[in-house]
Amino acid sequence: MYNTKEGKSCVIYIRVSSERQVKGYSLDGQKHYLAECAERRGMTVLDTYDECGASVETVARLTRV
């Protein structure tokens, strides 16, 4: 979370770490839920990143959405 002159802002980070989770948790669903949470808190989403089916070791491979 960042504080700017306009108010609070944040980035959204969505991920699943296995094929099993990919099938059970929609990245779009996570993005939608987190964007709504940010809006309820009066925050501006600066950017969204996703990481599908990757482990912690591959965290450097984030994809900007």
Foldseek 3Di string as FASTA:
>chain_A
DDQDPVGAEEEAEEEDAAPVVCVVDPSVVSVVVVVVVCVVVVYHHPWYWYYYNHDPVVVVPIDTD
